[in-house]
């Protein structure tokens, strides 16, 4: 329950009906929930969102489901029954935003497509996340994160030179679709404020991942040649990447001449600043192998801890390479309050990464724990559609809700 004094996010008062599952979609609806929107997640009876079954678990909740579904209300509903689909249509009529990530055509066959719902509710903002879009020759191809990564060109670069291609560990193919969908939804909300009409926002995972390539795409357009894998190196900036120490590696990133000059002095080679082979940066790029050999020899004699201190002292951008656990426990994350803790009645206290957004210097309101499958089915139907207890009981007996 909330009171008038409870902090609210900037999207408070907006209602989202979320049909999406797995990752591309649930991440977007979680962002909207973090921002204060009320999110009602529609899940199939029995199994729910597929990610509920992905081990490991904390209590009854999958780690995967926890990561993507905080602050949402779960409804278990049989969309394949006409009665279940009708309930969904009625909930859509009470919503501002609808989000789905089925293959093209699935929502239309359920009577829940954009054309049908928009005709009855012109102000509804309807967002569809697909693998490739409805007009693509790949429209019917099943799409997952690794498929989008492979087709985007990103996977070809995520490796050391001469090594096998590898996927990004962060599921950016899925997440980019969610991120761009939030952009589209917020833009459509702004437009609706003046027109009163909603839009059909369409986002393809593959398009989104290609859009995130930035200068890599422009390298190809400029040179006519696809970028080659560089490992931690940068295709046009030197020195940049992971350099070996006596007990590990340190990241160094000299994006400006000043940082390069500071770095040369840091490793005990100030003469490199005036060496024509390494100044300006185009020469460093042309003579990268020779320069990196000098750097490697200089840094091999010191520990990672030593070089991190030296690089800080000389004001050179640097970092250790942390594990996921070390990254989550580092002072920056802990002191910044990025890890949030919520209490679940069955799973107990759950730690999770919260929203990175702040407004007026403050974090967004405390999140709610992810729900059990169908946990608020009756509550939502009672409060949003004003169904009485007899109707709810009949729906349960017929297997329409759970």
Foldseek 3Di string as FASTA:
>chain_A
DDDPPAFAAPLAPAEEEEAAAQFQGLQLVVVVLLRHYAYEYEAEPPCGGVQQPDDDAQFSGHPRCQQRFWNYHFWHFDLVDLVRVVVVLLVQLVGQEYEYEDQPPPCVVSLRDPVNSCVVRFRHAYEYEYAADPPDPCSPPHDDLVNLCVVLCVQQQQDAPPDDGDDDPPSQLSVLSSVVRNVVQVVQVVVCVPVVGYDYHYGHSNVSVNVPPPCQVVVCVVPVDHDHHHHQCDLQFPPFGWADAQAGTKTFGPPDLLLVCLVCVLLPHNVLNVPPCPPDSNSCNVVVVVVSVVVNVSRHHHDPVVSVVSCVVSVTDMDDDDDPVCVCPDPVNVVLVQWAWEQDPRSGIDIYGHDPDDDPNHRRGHIYGRDDHNPCNVVCCCPPVVDDPVVVVVCVVVVRID
